[in-house]
Amino acid sequence: MEKRDFLKTMAIGGLGLATTSSWASTFETNYLENGDYKLPKLPYAYNALEPYIDEQTMRLHHSKHH
């Protein structure tokens, strides 16, 4: 691997870690003071991903699996 390729790989990996840590920290605020978890609202409608993912599947995965 050349030095240029190595630096590109490291830069992309660093961005991924920065994005992951900031993304994960947004979910830390979803716990209430009593320790219960509050499900965050989706930033889009359940049917926004159709025809790729139907509304029923989105509702199931967000409300039950999340």
PDB file of N, CA and C in Angstrom:
ATOM      1  N   MET A   1       0.851  -1.175   0.000  1.00  0.00           N
ATOM      2  CA  MET A   1       0.000   0.000   0.000  1.00  0.00           C
ATOM      3  C   MET A   1       0.898   1.239   0.000  1.00  0.00           C
ATOM      4  N   GLU A   2       0.585   2.155  -0.859  1.00  0.00           N
ATOM      5  CA  GLU A   2       1.359   3.382  -0.925  1.00  0.00           C
ATOM      6  C   GLU A   2       0.940   4.337   0.185  1.00  0.00           C
ATOM      7  N   LYS A   3       1.809   5.265   0.483  1.00  0.00           N
ATOM      8  CA  LYS A   3       1.564   6.224   1.553  1.00  0.00           C
ATOM      9  C   LYS A   3       0.272   7.006   1.303  1.00  0.00           C
ATOM     10  N   ARG A   4       0.029   7.426   0.064  1.00  0.00           N
ATOM     11  CA  ARG A   4      -1.176   8.198  -0.263  1.00  0.00           C
ATOM     12  C   ARG A   4      -2.443   7.382   0.015  1.00  0.00           C
ATOM     13  N   ASP A   5      -2.441   6.107  -0.384  1.00  0.00           N
ATOM     14  CA  ASP A   5      -3.587   5.236  -0.139  1.00  0.00           C
ATOM     15  C   ASP A   5      -3.795   5.015   1.360  1.00  0.00           C
ATOM     16  N   PHE A   6      -2.708   4.844   2.071  1.00  0.00           N
ATOM     17  CA  PHE A   6      -2.792   4.666   3.520  1.00  0.00           C
ATOM     18  C   PHE A   6      -3.417   5.892   4.182  1.00  0.00           C
ATOM     19  N   LEU A   7      -2.987   7.074   3.795  1.00  0.00           N
ATOM     20  CA  LEU A   7      -3.520   8.303   4.383  1.00  0.00           C
ATOM     21  C   LEU A   7      -4.993   8.487   4.057  1.00  0.00           C
ATOM     22  N   LYS A   8      -5.396   8.146   2.844  1.00  0.00           N
ATOM     23  CA  LYS A   8      -6.815   8.225   2.480  1.00  0.00           C
ATOM     24  C   LYS A   8      -7.637   7.286   3.355  1.00  0.00           C
ATOM     25  N   THR A   9      -7.138   6.068   3.514  1.00  0.00           N
ATOM     26  CA  THR A   9      -7.847   5.076   4.327  1.00  0.00           C
ATOM     27  C   THR A   9      -7.979   5.545   5.768  1.00  0.00           C
ATOM     28  N   MET A  10      -6.917   6.098   6.313  1.00  0.00           N
ATOM     29  CA  MET A  10      -6.945   6.571   7.694  1.00  0.00           C
ATOM     30  C   MET A  10      -7.896   7.762   7.842  1.00  0.00           C
ATOM     31  N   ALA A  11      -7.920   8.648   6.860  1.00  0.00           N
ATOM     32  CA  ALA A  11      -8.805   9.813   6.921  1.00  0.00           C
ATOM     33  C   ALA A  11     -10.265   9.382   6.878  1.00  0.00           C
ATOM     34  N   ILE A  12     -10.578   8.448   5.999  1.00  0.00           N
ATOM     35  CA  ILE A  12     -11.964   7.961   5.896  1.00  0.00           C
ATOM     36  C   ILE A  12     -12.359   7.235   7.180  1.00  0.00           C
ATOM     37  N   GLY A  13     -11.468   6.433   7.717  1.00  0.00           N
ATOM     38  CA  GLY A  13     -11.742   5.741   8.978  1.00  0.00           C
ATOM     39  C   GLY A  13     -11.955   6.708  10.123  1.00  0.00           C
ATOM     40  N   GLY A  14     -11.163   7.776  10.167  1.00  0.00           N
ATOM     41  CA  GLY A  14     -11.318   8.788  11.207  1.00  0.00           C
ATOM     42  C   GLY A  14     -12.655   9.496  11.110  1.00  0.00           C
ATOM     43  N   LEU A  15     -13.082   9.781   9.890  1.00  0.00           N
ATOM     44  CA  LEU A  15     -14.401  10.401   9.705  1.00  0.00           C
ATOM     45  C   LEU A  15     -15.502   9.456  10.160  1.00  0.00           C
ATOM     46  N   GLY A  16     -15.339   8.186   9.867  1.00  0.00           N
ATOM     47  CA  GLY A  16     -16.333   7.204  10.297  1.00  0.00           C
ATOM     48  C   GLY A  16     -16.438   7.132  11.806  1.00  0.00           C
ATOM     49  N   LEU A  17     -15.307   7.156  12.492  1.00  0.00           N
ATOM     50  CA  LEU A  17     -15.332   7.121  13.957  1.00  0.00           C
ATOM     51  C   LEU A  17     -15.950   8.394  14.531  1.00  0.00           C
ATOM     52  N   ALA A  18     -15.631   9.531  13.948  1.00  0.00           N
ATOM     53  CA  ALA A  18     -16.195  10.796  14.432  1.00  0.00           C
ATOM     54  C   ALA A  18     -17.702  10.819  14.235  1.00  0.00           C
ATOM     55  N   THR A  19     -18.154  10.335  13.089  1.00  0.00           N
ATOM     56  CA  THR A  19     -19.584  10.305  12.803  1.00  0.00           C
ATOM     57  C   THR A  19     -20.288   9.327  13.725  1.00  0.00           C
ATOM     58  N   THR A  20     -19.688   8.164  13.950  1.00  0.00           N
ATOM     59  CA  THR A  20     -20.300   7.156  14.810  1.00  0.00           C
ATOM     60  C   THR A  20     -20.426   7.663  16.231  1.00  0.00           C
ATOM     61  N   SER A  21     -19.404   8.295  16.752  1.00  0.00           N
ATOM     62  CA  SER A  21     -19.471   8.748  18.137  1.00  0.00           C
ATOM     63  C   SER A  21     -20.483   9.884  18.293  1.00  0.00           C
ATOM     64  N   SER A  22     -20.583  10.778  17.314  1.00  0.00           N
ATOM     65  CA  SER A  22     -21.571  11.850  17.433  1.00  0.00           C
ATOM     66  C   SER A  22     -22.972  11.300  17.233  1.00  0.00           C
ATOM     67  N   TRP A  23     -23.125  10.289  16.349  1.00  0.00           N
ATOM     68  CA  TRP A  23     -24.424   9.662  16.134  1.00  0.00           C
ATOM     69  C   TRP A  23     -24.867   8.926  17.392  1.00  0.00           C
ATOM     70  N   ALA A  24     -23.960   8.205  18.009  1.00  0.00           N
ATOM     71  CA  ALA A  24     -24.297   7.444  19.213  1.00  0.00           C
ATOM     72  C   ALA A  24     -24.645   8.371  20.369  1.00  0.00           C
ATOM     73  N   SER A  25     -23.987   9.501  20.463  1.00  0.00           N
ATOM     74  CA  SER A  25     -24.256  10.400  21.580  1.00  0.00           C
ATOM     75  C   SER A  25     -25.652  11.009  21.508  1.00  0.00           C
ATOM     76  N   THR A  26     -26.253  11.054  20.322  1.00  0.00           N
ATOM     77  CA  THR A  26     -27.616  11.591  20.224  1.00  0.00           C
ATOM     78  C   THR A  26     -28.609  10.669  20.899  1.00  0.00           C
ATOM     79  N   PHE A  27     -28.322   9.376  20.962  1.00  0.00           N
ATOM     80  CA  PHE A  27     -29.244   8.445  21.577  1.00  0.00           C
ATOM     81  C   PHE A  27     -29.100   8.391  23.091  1.00  0.00           C
ATOM     82  N   GLU A  28     -28.030   8.908  23.630  1.00  0.00           N
ATOM     83  CA  GLU A  28     -27.859   8.924  25.079  1.00  0.00           C
ATOM     84  C   GLU A  28     -28.917   9.787  25.744  1.00  0.00           C
ATOM     85  N   THR A  29     -29.424  10.787  25.052  1.00  0.00           N
ATOM     86  CA  THR A  29     -30.412  11.690  25.628  1.00  0.00           C
ATOM     87  C   THR A  29     -31.812  11.108  25.622  1.00  0.00           C
ATOM     88  N   ASN A  30     -31.994   9.896  25.077  1.00  0.00           N
ATOM     89  CA  ASN A  30     -33.312   9.289  25.011  1.00  0.00           C
ATOM     90  C   ASN A  30     -33.689   8.535  26.283  1.00  0.00           C
ATOM     91  N   TYR A  31     -32.841   8.605  27.289  1.00  0.00           N
ATOM     92  CA  TYR A  31     -33.188   8.002  28.569  1.00  0.00           C
ATOM     93  C   TYR A  31     -33.740   9.082  29.490  1.00  0.00           C
ATOM     94  N   LEU A  32     -34.872   8.777  30.095  1.00  0.00           N
ATOM     95  CA  LEU A  32     -35.494   9.715  31.011  1.00  0.00           C
ATOM     96  C   LEU A  32     -34.770   9.680  32.349  1.00  0.00           C
ATOM     97  N   GLU A  33     -35.073  10.627  33.210  1.00  0.00           N
ATOM     98  CA  GLU A  33     -34.389  10.707  34.511  1.00  0.00           C
ATOM     99  C   GLU A  33     -34.592   9.455  35.348  1.00  0.00           C
ATOM    100  N   ASN A  34     -35.750   8.782  35.180  1.00  0.00           N
ATOM    101  CA  ASN A  34     -36.006   7.581  35.977  1.00  0.00           C
ATOM    102  C   ASN A  34     -35.385   6.329  35.350  1.00  0.00           C
ATOM    103  N   GLY A  35     -34.652   6.489  34.222  1.00  0.00           N
ATOM    104  CA  GLY A  35     -33.961   5.375  33.600  1.00  0.00           C
ATOM    105  C   GLY A  35     -34.740   4.707  32.483  1.00  0.00           C
ATOM    106  N   ASP A  36     -36.000   5.099  32.283  1.00  0.00           N
ATOM    107  CA  ASP A  36     -36.778   4.527  31.194  1.00  0.00           C
ATOM    108  C   ASP A  36     -36.276   5.054  29.858  1.00  0.00           C
ATOM    109  N   TYR A  37     -36.476   4.261  28.823  1.00  0.00           N
ATOM    110  CA  TYR A  37     -36.049   4.653  27.482  1.00  0.00           C
ATOM    111  C   TYR A  37     -37.202   5.306  26.745  1.00  0.00           C
ATOM    112  N   LYS A  38     -36.928   6.405  26.085  1.00  0.00           N
ATOM    113  CA  LYS A  38     -37.922   7.115  25.296  1.00  0.00           C
ATOM    114  C   LYS A  38     -37.574   6.912  23.824  1.00  0.00           C
ATOM    115  N   LEU A  39     -38.482   6.275  23.065  1.00  0.00           N
ATOM    116  CA  LEU A  39     -38.246   6.000  21.657  1.00  0.00           C
ATOM    117  C   LEU A  39     -38.209   7.309  20.875  1.00  0.00           C
ATOM    118  N   PRO A  40     -37.109   7.576  20.152  1.00  0.00           N
ATOM    119  CA  PRO A  40     -37.037   8.820  19.384  1.00  0.00           C
ATOM    120  C   PRO A  40     -37.962   8.750  18.170  1.00  0.00           C
ATOM    121  N   LYS A  41     -38.482   9.895  17.762  1.00  0.00           N
ATOM    122  CA  LYS A  41     -39.323   9.957  16.576  1.00  0.00           C
ATOM    123  C   LYS A  41     -38.433   9.878  15.345  1.00  0.00           C
ATOM    124  N   LEU A  42     -38.982   9.277  14.294  1.00  0.00           N
ATOM    125  CA  LEU A  42     -38.258   9.241  13.032  1.00  0.00           C
ATOM    126  C   LEU A  42     -38.256  10.636  12.419  1.00  0.00           C
ATOM    127  N   PRO A  43     -37.181  11.021  11.757  1.00  0.00           N
ATOM    128  CA  PRO A  43     -37.135  12.341  11.129  1.00  0.00           C
ATOM    129  C   PRO A  43     -37.864  12.377   9.786  1.00  0.00           C
ATOM    130  N   TYR A  44     -38.588  11.305   9.461  1.00  0.00           N
ATOM    131  CA  TYR A  44     -39.333  11.220   8.205  1.00  0.00           C
ATOM    132  C   TYR A  44     -40.552  10.332   8.440  1.00  0.00           C
ATOM    133  N   ALA A  45     -41.481  10.351   7.492  1.00  0.00           N
ATOM    134  CA  ALA A  45     -42.708   9.557   7.601  1.00  0.00           C
ATOM    135  C   ALA A  45     -42.395   8.071   7.430  1.00  0.00           C
ATOM    136  N   TYR A  46     -43.241   7.220   7.988  1.00  0.00           N
ATOM    137  CA  TYR A  46     -43.045   5.777   7.864  1.00  0.00           C
ATOM    138  C   TYR A  46     -43.087   5.320   6.408  1.00  0.00           C
ATOM    139  N   ASN A  47     -43.825   6.021   5.577  1.00  0.00           N
ATOM    140  CA  ASN A  47     -43.938   5.609   4.180  1.00  0.00           C
ATOM    141  C   ASN A  47     -42.943   6.336   3.266  1.00  0.00           C
ATOM    142  N   ALA A  48     -42.003   7.059   3.819  1.00  0.00           N
ATOM    143  CA  ALA A  48     -41.058   7.844   3.020  1.00  0.00           C
ATOM    144  C   ALA A  48     -40.088   6.984   2.213  1.00  0.00           C
ATOM    145  N   LEU A  49     -39.888   5.751   2.611  1.00  0.00           N
ATOM    146  CA  LEU A  49     -38.916   4.895   1.925  1.00  0.00           C
ATOM    147  C   LEU A  49     -39.562   3.952   0.907  1.00  0.00           C
ATOM    148  N   GLU A  50     -40.885   4.089   0.713  1.00  0.00           N
ATOM    149  CA  GLU A  50     -41.542   3.268  -0.301  1.00  0.00           C
ATOM    150  C   GLU A  50     -41.058   3.684  -1.672  1.00  0.00           C
ATOM    151  N   PRO A  51     -40.903   2.802  -2.590  1.00  0.00           N
ATOM    152  CA  PRO A  51     -41.315   1.396  -2.645  1.00  0.00           C
ATOM    153  C   PRO A  51     -40.261   0.427  -2.111  1.00  0.00           C
ATOM    154  N   TYR A  52     -39.167   0.920  -1.560  1.00  0.00           N
ATOM    155  CA  TYR A  52     -38.094   0.035  -1.102  1.00  0.00           C
ATOM    156  C   TYR A  52     -38.431  -0.645   0.219  1.00  0.00           C
ATOM    157  N   ILE A  53     -38.969   0.100   1.157  1.00  0.00           N
ATOM    158  CA  ILE A  53     -39.406  -0.452   2.441  1.00  0.00           C
ATOM    159  C   ILE A  53     -40.818   0.077   2.688  1.00  0.00           C
ATOM    160  N   ASP A  54     -41.772  -0.840   2.860  1.00  0.00           N
ATOM    161  CA  ASP A  54     -43.162  -0.402   3.003  1.00  0.00           C
ATOM    162  C   ASP A  54     -43.436   0.141   4.406  1.00  0.00           C
ATOM    163  N   GLU A  55     -44.540   0.865   4.525  1.00  0.00           N
ATOM    164  CA  GLU A  55     -44.895   1.543   5.779  1.00  0.00           C
ATOM    165  C   GLU A  55     -45.068   0.560   6.930  1.00  0.00           C
ATOM    166  N   GLN A  56     -45.711  -0.570   6.675  1.00  0.00           N
ATOM    167  CA  GLN A  56     -45.945  -1.560   7.729  1.00  0.00           C
ATOM    168  C   GLN A  56     -44.614  -2.082   8.294  1.00  0.00           C
ATOM    169  N   THR A  57     -43.663  -2.349   7.439  1.00  0.00           N
ATOM    170  CA  THR A  57     -42.347  -2.827   7.881  1.00  0.00           C
ATOM    171  C   THR A  57     -41.638  -1.758   8.703  1.00  0.00           C
ATOM    172  N   MET A  58     -41.704  -0.508   8.258  1.00  0.00           N
ATOM    173  CA  MET A  58     -41.067   0.582   9.002  1.00  0.00           C
ATOM    174  C   MET A  58     -41.688   0.737  10.388  1.00  0.00           C
ATOM    175  N   ARG A  59     -43.012   0.674  10.462  1.00  0.00           N
ATOM    176  CA  ARG A  59     -43.684   0.786  11.767  1.00  0.00           C
ATOM    177  C   ARG A  59     -43.258  -0.345  12.692  1.00  0.00           C
ATOM    178  N   LEU A  60     -43.216  -1.555  12.163  1.00  0.00           N
ATOM    179  CA  LEU A  60     -42.824  -2.713  12.965  1.00  0.00           C
ATOM    180  C   LEU A  60     -41.391  -2.561  13.472  1.00  0.00           C
ATOM    181  N   HIS A  61     -40.471  -2.234  12.588  1.00  0.00           N
ATOM    182  CA  HIS A  61     -39.068  -2.153  12.985  1.00  0.00           C
ATOM    183  C   HIS A  61     -38.800  -0.982  13.915  1.00  0.00           C
ATOM    184  N   HIS A  62     -39.453   0.138  13.705  1.00  0.00           N
ATOM    185  CA  HIS A  62     -39.205   1.289  14.570  1.00  0.00           C
ATOM    186  C   HIS A  62     -39.848   1.109  15.940  1.00  0.00           C
ATOM    187  N   SER A  63     -41.114   0.685  15.958  1.00  0.00           N
ATOM    188  CA  SER A  63     -41.818   0.619  17.245  1.00  0.00           C
ATOM    189  C   SER A  63     -41.521  -0.645  18.050  1.00  0.00           C
ATOM    190  N   LYS A  64     -41.234  -1.750  17.386  1.00  0.00           N
ATOM    191  CA  LYS A  64     -41.000  -3.010  18.107  1.00  0.00           C
ATOM    192  C   LYS A  64     -39.522  -3.359  18.264  1.00  0.00           C
ATOM    193  N   HIS A  65     -38.763  -3.245  17.182  1.00  0.00           N
ATOM    194  CA  HIS A  65     -37.367  -3.668  17.222  1.00  0.00           C
ATOM    195  C   HIS A  65     -36.437  -2.613  17.802  1.00  0.00           C
ATOM    196  N   HIS A  66     -36.764  -1.358  17.575  1.00  0.00           N
ATOM    197  CA  HIS A  66     -35.877  -0.284  18.049  1.00  0.00           C
ATOM    198  C   HIS A  66     -35.896  -0.347  19.547  1.00  0.00           C
TER     199      HIS A  66
END
